[in-house]
Amino acid sequence: MECVIFIGIQASGKSTFYKEHFFKTHMRINLDMLKTRNRENIYLHASIETMQRFVVDNTNATVIERKKYIDACINKGFKIIGYYFEPDFAESIKRNEQRTGKEYIPEIGIKSVMSKLEIPSYEEGFDELYSVISNEGTFQIRRLPENHSI
């Protein structure tokens, strides 16, 4: 079983990446859709209890934010995989400008997440870590070695 954690600023391509790579195989846990942390926790624990592969499609910008999911899955038979979406503030702003309604994020919100974004490491409990670069609608994925530095 897999717990996949996306890490990146808003409008970095995380949800598109999910649709392209995990839609048919993994449950999507996304706070934008679920609206409350309580609902998110229900989906998280249901996925763990039923041994359902899942993706946490949130910004997960800090070690503390990621710890909740890692701790919930450690010693439960889940491989914990992180995908770090390399920040490109200008590109994220461009993609965000194409959003409408509640999907649109004020620039200050993206700046706020960018300012607290912490690069993930294996020491957090990840079994695998990948770097993702979004480039004109395609994704370049690179597995990070255990002694990585981005």
N, C-alpha and C. Protein backbone atom coordinates (compact mmCIF):
# COMPACT_ATOMS: atom_id res chain seq x y z
N MET A 1 0.84 -1.18 0.00
CA MET A 1 0.00 0.00 0.00
C MET A 1 0.88 1.24 0.00
N GLU A 2 0.32 2.33 -0.49
CA GLU A 2 1.09 3.56 -0.63
C GLU A 2 0.36 4.76 -0.03
N CYS A 3 1.10 5.55 0.70
CA CYS A 3 0.69 6.88 1.13
C CYS A 3 1.57 7.84 0.34
N VAL A 4 0.97 8.58 -0.58
CA VAL A 4 1.70 9.53 -1.41
C VAL A 4 1.39 10.93 -0.91
N ILE A 5 2.42 11.68 -0.63
CA ILE A 5 2.24 13.04 -0.10
C ILE A 5 2.83 14.03 -1.10
N PHE A 6 1.96 14.92 -1.59
CA PHE A 6 2.42 15.99 -2.48
C PHE A 6 2.88 17.17 -1.63
N ILE A 7 3.95 17.83 -2.07
CA ILE A 7 4.52 18.97 -1.35
C ILE A 7 4.77 20.07 -2.39
N GLY A 8 4.12 21.21 -2.22
CA GLY A 8 4.36 22.30 -3.16
C GLY A 8 3.38 23.44 -2.99
N ILE A 9 3.75 24.57 -3.55
CA ILE A 9 2.89 25.75 -3.47
C ILE A 9 1.64 25.55 -4.33
N GLN A 10 0.66 26.39 -4.11
CA GLN A 10 -0.56 26.33 -4.89
C GLN A 10 -0.24 26.58 -6.37
N ALA A 11 -1.04 25.97 -7.24
CA ALA A 11 -0.92 26.14 -8.70
C ALA A 11 0.44 25.67 -9.23
N SER A 12 1.02 24.67 -8.56
CA SER A 12 2.30 24.13 -9.02
C SER A 12 2.11 22.88 -9.88
N GLY A 13 0.86 22.46 -10.06
CA GLY A 13 0.58 21.30 -10.90
C GLY A 13 0.23 20.04 -10.15
N LYS A 14 0.07 20.11 -8.84
CA LYS A 14 -0.17 18.92 -8.02
C LYS A 14 -1.43 18.17 -8.43
N SER A 15 -2.54 18.88 -8.57
CA SER A 15 -3.80 18.21 -8.91
C SER A 15 -3.78 17.63 -10.32
N THR A 16 -3.17 18.33 -11.25
CA THR A 16 -3.03 17.81 -12.61
C THR A 16 -2.15 16.56 -12.60
N PHE A 17 -1.09 16.59 -11.83
CA PHE A 17 -0.20 15.44 -11.69
C PHE A 17 -0.97 14.24 -11.13
N TYR A 18 -1.81 14.50 -10.11
CA TYR A 18 -2.63 13.43 -9.55
C TYR A 18 -3.51 12.80 -10.64
N LYS A 19 -4.19 13.64 -11.40
CA LYS A 19 -5.09 13.14 -12.45
C LYS A 19 -4.34 12.31 -13.49
N GLU A 20 -3.13 12.72 -13.82
CA GLU A 20 -2.34 12.01 -14.84
C GLU A 20 -1.69 10.73 -14.32
N HIS A 21 -1.33 10.70 -13.03
CA HIS A 21 -0.53 9.59 -12.53
C HIS A 21 -1.19 8.69 -11.50
N PHE A 22 -2.23 9.17 -10.81
CA PHE A 22 -2.78 8.41 -9.70
C PHE A 22 -4.30 8.25 -9.71
N PHE A 23 -4.99 8.91 -10.61
CA PHE A 23 -6.46 8.95 -10.60
C PHE A 23 -7.08 7.55 -10.58
N LYS A 24 -6.53 6.64 -11.35
CA LYS A 24 -7.13 5.30 -11.48
C LYS A 24 -6.70 4.34 -10.36
N THR A 25 -5.74 4.72 -9.55
CA THR A 25 -5.19 3.76 -8.59
C THR A 25 -5.23 4.22 -7.13
N HIS A 26 -5.35 5.52 -6.87
CA HIS A 26 -5.23 6.04 -5.52
C HIS A 26 -6.40 6.96 -5.16
N MET A 27 -6.90 6.82 -3.93
CA MET A 27 -7.90 7.75 -3.39
C MET A 27 -7.23 9.11 -3.25
N ARG A 28 -7.97 10.16 -3.51
CA ARG A 28 -7.43 11.52 -3.39
C ARG A 28 -7.98 12.17 -2.12
N ILE A 29 -7.08 12.57 -1.24
CA ILE A 29 -7.45 13.30 -0.04
C ILE A 29 -6.99 14.73 -0.26
N ASN A 30 -7.97 15.62 -0.35
CA ASN A 30 -7.70 17.00 -0.74
C ASN A 30 -8.58 17.94 0.08
N LEU A 31 -7.96 18.80 0.86
CA LEU A 31 -8.71 19.69 1.74
C LEU A 31 -9.62 20.64 0.97
N ASP A 32 -9.23 21.05 -0.23
CA ASP A 32 -10.09 21.93 -1.03
C ASP A 32 -11.44 21.26 -1.32
N MET A 33 -11.41 19.97 -1.55
CA MET A 33 -12.64 19.23 -1.84
C MET A 33 -13.40 18.87 -0.56
N LEU A 34 -12.68 18.43 0.46
CA LEU A 34 -13.32 17.93 1.68
C LEU A 34 -13.76 19.05 2.62
N LYS A 35 -13.15 20.21 2.51
CA LYS A 35 -13.52 21.45 3.22
C LYS A 35 -13.13 21.53 4.69
N THR A 36 -13.07 20.39 5.41
CA THR A 36 -12.72 20.46 6.83
C THR A 36 -11.65 19.42 7.17
N ARG A 37 -10.87 19.71 8.21
CA ARG A 37 -9.86 18.76 8.67
C ARG A 37 -10.52 17.49 9.22
N ASN A 38 -11.71 17.64 9.81
CA ASN A 38 -12.42 16.47 10.31
C ASN A 38 -12.73 15.49 9.17
N ARG A 39 -13.27 15.99 8.08
CA ARG A 39 -13.55 15.13 6.93
C ARG A 39 -12.26 14.53 6.37
N GLU A 40 -11.21 15.34 6.32
CA GLU A 40 -9.93 14.85 5.84
C GLU A 40 -9.45 13.68 6.71
N ASN A 41 -9.57 13.84 8.03
CA ASN A 41 -9.15 12.78 8.95
C ASN A 41 -9.96 11.51 8.76
N ILE A 42 -11.26 11.65 8.51
CA ILE A 42 -12.11 10.48 8.26
C ILE A 42 -11.62 9.72 7.03
N TYR A 43 -11.35 10.43 5.94
CA TYR A 43 -10.86 9.79 4.72
C TYR A 43 -9.48 9.17 4.93
N LEU A 44 -8.62 9.87 5.66
CA LEU A 44 -7.28 9.36 5.94
C LEU A 44 -7.36 8.04 6.70
N HIS A 45 -8.11 8.04 7.79
CA HIS A 45 -8.18 6.84 8.62
C HIS A 45 -8.92 5.70 7.92
N ALA A 46 -9.92 6.03 7.12
CA ALA A 46 -10.61 4.99 6.34
C ALA A 46 -9.66 4.36 5.33
N SER A 47 -8.83 5.19 4.70
CA SER A 47 -7.86 4.67 3.73
C SER A 47 -6.86 3.74 4.41
N ILE A 48 -6.40 4.12 5.58
CA ILE A 48 -5.44 3.30 6.30
C ILE A 48 -6.09 1.99 6.75
N GLU A 49 -7.27 2.09 7.34
CA GLU A 49 -7.96 0.89 7.85
C GLU A 49 -8.30 -0.10 6.74
N THR A 50 -8.62 0.40 5.56
CA THR A 50 -9.01 -0.49 4.46
C THR A 50 -7.84 -0.82 3.54
N MET A 51 -6.64 -0.33 3.91
CA MET A 51 -5.43 -0.56 3.12
C MET A 51 -5.60 -0.05 1.68
N GLN A 52 -6.20 1.11 1.56
CA GLN A 52 -6.43 1.76 0.27
C GLN A 52 -5.28 2.71 -0.04
N ARG A 53 -4.69 2.58 -1.22
CA ARG A 53 -3.65 3.53 -1.62
C ARG A 53 -4.28 4.92 -1.72
N PHE A 54 -3.53 5.94 -1.30
CA PHE A 54 -4.07 7.29 -1.35
C PHE A 54 -2.98 8.33 -1.57
N VAL A 55 -3.44 9.50 -2.05
CA VAL A 55 -2.59 10.66 -2.28
C VAL A 55 -3.13 11.81 -1.45
N VAL A 56 -2.25 12.47 -0.69
CA VAL A 56 -2.62 13.68 0.02
C VAL A 56 -2.24 14.85 -0.88
N ASP A 57 -3.25 15.42 -1.52
CA ASP A 57 -3.06 16.49 -2.51
C ASP A 57 -3.35 17.84 -1.86
N ASN A 58 -2.46 18.23 -0.96
CA ASN A 58 -2.51 19.54 -0.31
C ASN A 58 -1.12 20.17 -0.49
N THR A 59 -0.90 21.37 0.03
CA THR A 59 0.42 21.97 -0.10
C THR A 59 1.45 21.26 0.77
N ASN A 60 1.07 20.83 1.97
CA ASN A 60 1.97 20.08 2.86
C ASN A 60 3.36 20.73 2.92
N ALA A 61 3.36 22.03 3.14
CA ALA A 61 4.57 22.84 3.00
C ALA A 61 5.62 22.59 4.07
N THR A 62 5.20 22.20 5.27
CA THR A 62 6.16 22.08 6.36
C THR A 62 6.31 20.64 6.85
N VAL A 63 7.41 20.41 7.53
CA VAL A 63 7.66 19.10 8.13
C VAL A 63 6.51 18.74 9.07
N ILE A 64 6.05 19.70 9.84
CA ILE A 64 4.96 19.46 10.80
C ILE A 64 3.67 19.05 10.08
N GLU A 65 3.35 19.71 8.99
CA GLU A 65 2.13 19.35 8.24
C GLU A 65 2.22 17.93 7.68
N ARG A 66 3.38 17.53 7.23
CA ARG A 66 3.57 16.19 6.65
C ARG A 66 3.61 15.11 7.71
N LYS A 67 4.08 15.46 8.90
CA LYS A 67 4.25 14.50 10.00
C LYS A 67 2.94 13.77 10.32
N LYS A 68 1.84 14.45 10.28
CA LYS A 68 0.53 13.86 10.58
C LYS A 68 0.27 12.63 9.71
N TYR A 69 0.53 12.75 8.42
CA TYR A 69 0.27 11.65 7.49
C TYR A 69 1.31 10.54 7.63
N ILE A 70 2.56 10.95 7.80
CA ILE A 70 3.64 9.97 7.94
C ILE A 70 3.43 9.15 9.21
N ASP A 71 3.16 9.82 10.33
CA ASP A 71 2.94 9.12 11.59
C ASP A 71 1.75 8.17 11.51
N ALA A 72 0.71 8.58 10.80
CA ALA A 72 -0.49 7.74 10.69
C ALA A 72 -0.21 6.46 9.91
N CYS A 73 0.78 6.49 9.02
CA CYS A 73 1.04 5.34 8.13
C CYS A 73 2.23 4.48 8.52
N ILE A 74 3.11 5.02 9.34
CA ILE A 74 4.30 4.26 9.73
C ILE A 74 3.85 3.01 10.49
N ASN A 75 4.48 1.91 10.19
CA ASN A 75 4.19 0.61 10.81
C ASN A 75 2.77 0.09 10.53
N LYS A 76 2.16 0.58 9.45
CA LYS A 76 0.84 0.10 9.07
C LYS A 76 0.88 -0.60 7.72
N GLY A 77 2.07 -0.85 7.20
CA GLY A 77 2.20 -1.54 5.93
C GLY A 77 2.18 -0.64 4.71
N PHE A 78 2.28 0.68 4.92
CA PHE A 78 2.26 1.64 3.81
C PHE A 78 3.68 2.08 3.47
N LYS A 79 3.97 2.13 2.18
CA LYS A 79 5.18 2.79 1.69
C LYS A 79 4.85 4.27 1.64
N ILE A 80 5.71 5.10 2.18
CA ILE A 80 5.44 6.54 2.25
C ILE A 80 6.31 7.23 1.20
N ILE A 81 5.64 7.86 0.24
CA ILE A 81 6.32 8.44 -0.92
C ILE A 81 5.99 9.93 -0.98
N GLY A 82 7.01 10.74 -1.16
CA GLY A 82 6.81 12.18 -1.29
C GLY A 82 7.15 12.67 -2.68
N TYR A 83 6.34 13.59 -3.19
CA TYR A 83 6.60 14.26 -4.46
C TYR A 83 6.72 15.75 -4.16
N TYR A 84 7.93 16.26 -4.34
CA TYR A 84 8.22 17.68 -4.08
C TYR A 84 8.14 18.43 -5.41
N PHE A 85 7.15 19.31 -5.51
CA PHE A 85 6.95 20.11 -6.72
C PHE A 85 7.82 21.35 -6.60
N GLU A 86 8.89 21.33 -7.38
CA GLU A 86 9.85 22.43 -7.34
C GLU A 86 9.11 23.76 -7.53
N PRO A 87 9.29 24.70 -6.61
CA PRO A 87 8.54 25.96 -6.72
C PRO A 87 9.02 26.83 -7.88
N ASP A 88 8.06 27.29 -8.64
CA ASP A 88 8.31 28.29 -9.68
C ASP A 88 7.20 29.32 -9.51
N PHE A 89 7.49 30.32 -8.69
CA PHE A 89 6.49 31.29 -8.31
C PHE A 89 5.82 31.94 -9.52
N ALA A 90 6.61 32.38 -10.49
CA ALA A 90 6.05 33.07 -11.66
C ALA A 90 5.10 32.16 -12.44
N GLU A 91 5.49 30.90 -12.63
CA GLU A 91 4.62 29.96 -13.36
C GLU A 91 3.36 29.66 -12.56
N SER A 92 3.47 29.54 -11.26
CA SER A 92 2.29 29.29 -10.43
C SER A 92 1.33 30.47 -10.51
N ILE A 93 1.85 31.68 -10.52
CA ILE A 93 1.00 32.87 -10.64
C ILE A 93 0.27 32.84 -12.00
N LYS A 94 0.98 32.47 -13.07
CA LYS A 94 0.34 32.38 -14.39
C LYS A 94 -0.77 31.35 -14.39
N ARG A 95 -0.51 30.17 -13.84
CA ARG A 95 -1.54 29.12 -13.79
C ARG A 95 -2.71 29.56 -12.92
N ASN A 96 -2.40 30.22 -11.82
CA ASN A 96 -3.45 30.68 -10.91
C ASN A 96 -4.36 31.71 -11.59
N GLU A 97 -3.79 32.54 -12.46
CA GLU A 97 -4.59 33.55 -13.16
C GLU A 97 -5.66 32.91 -14.05
N GLN A 98 -5.46 31.67 -14.44
CA GLN A 98 -6.44 30.97 -15.27
C GLN A 98 -7.56 30.34 -14.45
N ARG A 99 -7.43 30.35 -13.15
CA ARG A 99 -8.44 29.79 -12.26
C ARG A 99 -9.56 30.80 -12.05
N THR A 100 -10.74 30.26 -11.72
CA THR A 100 -11.88 31.12 -11.43
C THR A 100 -12.54 30.67 -10.12
N GLY A 101 -13.36 31.53 -9.58
CA GLY A 101 -14.12 31.19 -8.38
C GLY A 101 -13.24 30.85 -7.20
N LYS A 102 -13.65 29.83 -6.45
CA LYS A 102 -12.93 29.44 -5.24
C LYS A 102 -11.57 28.81 -5.54
N GLU A 103 -11.35 28.40 -6.77
CA GLU A 103 -10.06 27.81 -7.13
C GLU A 103 -8.95 28.87 -7.19
N TYR A 104 -9.34 30.12 -7.46
CA TYR A 104 -8.36 31.20 -7.54
C TYR A 104 -7.81 31.50 -6.15
N ILE A 105 -6.49 31.59 -6.03
CA ILE A 105 -5.82 31.88 -4.77
C ILE A 105 -5.23 33.29 -4.85
N PRO A 106 -5.53 34.16 -3.89
CA PRO A 106 -4.87 35.47 -3.90
C PRO A 106 -3.35 35.31 -3.85
N GLU A 107 -2.64 36.18 -4.54
CA GLU A 107 -1.18 36.10 -4.62
C GLU A 107 -0.54 36.02 -3.25
N ILE A 108 -1.09 36.73 -2.28
CA ILE A 108 -0.53 36.72 -0.92
C ILE A 108 -0.58 35.31 -0.32
N GLY A 109 -1.59 34.54 -0.69
CA GLY A 109 -1.69 33.16 -0.21
C GLY A 109 -0.58 32.28 -0.76
N ILE A 110 -0.28 32.44 -2.03
CA ILE A 110 0.81 31.67 -2.64
C ILE A 110 2.15 32.09 -2.04
N LYS A 111 2.33 33.41 -1.86
CA LYS A 111 3.58 33.90 -1.24
C LYS A 111 3.75 33.35 0.17
N SER A 112 2.64 33.27 0.90
CA SER A 112 2.69 32.78 2.27
C SER A 112 3.17 31.33 2.32
N VAL A 113 2.61 30.48 1.46
CA VAL A 113 3.04 29.08 1.42
C VAL A 113 4.48 28.97 0.94
N MET A 114 4.83 29.78 -0.06
CA MET A 114 6.20 29.77 -0.59
C MET A 114 7.20 30.11 0.52
N SER A 115 6.85 31.05 1.38
CA SER A 115 7.78 31.49 2.43
C SER A 115 8.00 30.43 3.50
N LYS A 116 7.05 29.53 3.68
CA LYS A 116 7.22 28.50 4.71
C LYS A 116 7.54 27.12 4.14
N LEU A 117 7.68 27.01 2.82
CA LEU A 117 7.93 25.74 2.16
C LEU A 117 9.27 25.14 2.62
N GLU A 118 9.21 23.93 3.15
CA GLU A 118 10.40 23.22 3.61
C GLU A 118 10.64 22.02 2.70
N ILE A 119 11.86 21.89 2.21
CA ILE A 119 12.23 20.78 1.33
C ILE A 119 12.13 19.49 2.13
N PRO A 120 11.44 18.49 1.60
CA PRO A 120 11.30 17.23 2.34
C PRO A 120 12.60 16.44 2.38
N SER A 121 12.71 15.57 3.38
CA SER A 121 13.90 14.73 3.51
C SER A 121 13.49 13.33 3.96
N TYR A 122 14.36 12.37 3.71
CA TYR A 122 14.11 10.99 4.14
C TYR A 122 14.02 10.89 5.65
N GLU A 123 14.68 11.77 6.37
CA GLU A 123 14.65 11.74 7.83
C GLU A 123 13.23 11.91 8.39
N GLU A 124 12.34 12.48 7.59
CA GLU A 124 10.95 12.64 8.03
C GLU A 124 10.21 11.30 8.09
N GLY A 125 10.73 10.30 7.38
CA GLY A 125 10.05 9.00 7.35
C GLY A 125 9.65 8.55 5.96
N PHE A 126 10.04 9.31 4.95
CA PHE A 126 9.73 8.91 3.57
C PHE A 126 10.54 7.68 3.18
N ASP A 127 9.91 6.77 2.45
CA ASP A 127 10.60 5.62 1.87
C ASP A 127 11.18 5.98 0.50
N GLU A 128 10.49 6.86 -0.21
CA GLU A 128 10.93 7.34 -1.51
C GLU A 128 10.60 8.82 -1.60
N LEU A 129 11.46 9.58 -2.27
CA LEU A 129 11.22 11.00 -2.52
C LEU A 129 11.52 11.31 -3.98
N TYR A 130 10.65 12.14 -4.57
CA TYR A 130 10.81 12.54 -5.96
C TYR A 130 10.71 14.05 -6.07
N SER A 131 11.46 14.58 -7.00
CA SER A 131 11.36 15.99 -7.37
C SER A 131 10.53 16.05 -8.65
N VAL A 132 9.60 17.00 -8.72
CA VAL A 132 8.75 17.17 -9.90
C VAL A 132 8.90 18.59 -10.40
N ILE A 133 9.20 18.72 -11.69
CA ILE A 133 9.24 20.03 -12.33
C ILE A 133 8.16 20.04 -13.38
N SER A 134 7.28 21.03 -13.28
CA SER A 134 6.21 21.19 -14.27
C SER A 134 6.73 22.13 -15.34
N ASN A 135 6.66 21.66 -16.59
CA ASN A 135 7.21 22.44 -17.69
C ASN A 135 6.26 22.39 -18.88
N GLU A 136 5.52 23.47 -19.08
CA GLU A 136 4.61 23.61 -20.22
C GLU A 136 3.72 22.39 -20.41
N GLY A 137 3.07 21.97 -19.32
CA GLY A 137 2.11 20.89 -19.41
C GLY A 137 2.68 19.50 -19.28
N THR A 138 3.98 19.38 -19.13
CA THR A 138 4.59 18.07 -18.91
C THR A 138 5.30 18.08 -17.57
N PHE A 139 5.55 16.90 -17.06
CA PHE A 139 6.20 16.78 -15.76
C PHE A 139 7.51 16.02 -15.91
N GLN A 140 8.55 16.58 -15.33
CA GLN A 140 9.84 15.90 -15.26
C GLN A 140 9.96 15.39 -13.82
N ILE A 141 10.12 14.07 -13.69
CA ILE A 141 10.17 13.44 -12.38
C ILE A 141 11.56 12.85 -12.18
N ARG A 142 12.13 13.12 -11.01
CA ARG A 142 13.47 12.62 -10.71
C ARG A 142 13.46 12.06 -9.29
N ARG A 143 13.86 10.79 -9.17
CA ARG A 143 13.95 10.20 -7.83
C ARG A 143 15.15 10.81 -7.11
N LEU A 144 14.92 11.17 -5.87
CA LEU A 144 15.98 11.78 -5.07
C LEU A 144 16.71 10.70 -4.27
N PRO A 145 18.05 10.69 -4.33
CA PRO A 145 18.80 9.72 -3.53
C PRO A 145 18.66 10.05 -2.04
N GLU A 146 18.95 9.09 -1.21
CA GLU A 146 18.77 9.29 0.24
C GLU A 146 19.64 10.38 0.81
N ASN A 147 20.73 10.72 0.17
CA ASN A 147 21.59 11.82 0.65
C ASN A 147 21.43 13.03 -0.25
N HIS A 148 20.18 13.32 -0.63
CA HIS A 148 19.91 14.37 -1.62
C HIS A 148 20.04 15.77 -1.04
N SER A 149 20.24 16.68 -1.96
CA SER A 149 20.06 18.09 -1.68
C SER A 149 19.49 18.70 -2.96
N ILE A 150 18.40 19.38 -2.82
CA ILE A 150 17.71 19.93 -4.00
C ILE A 150 18.30 21.28 -4.35
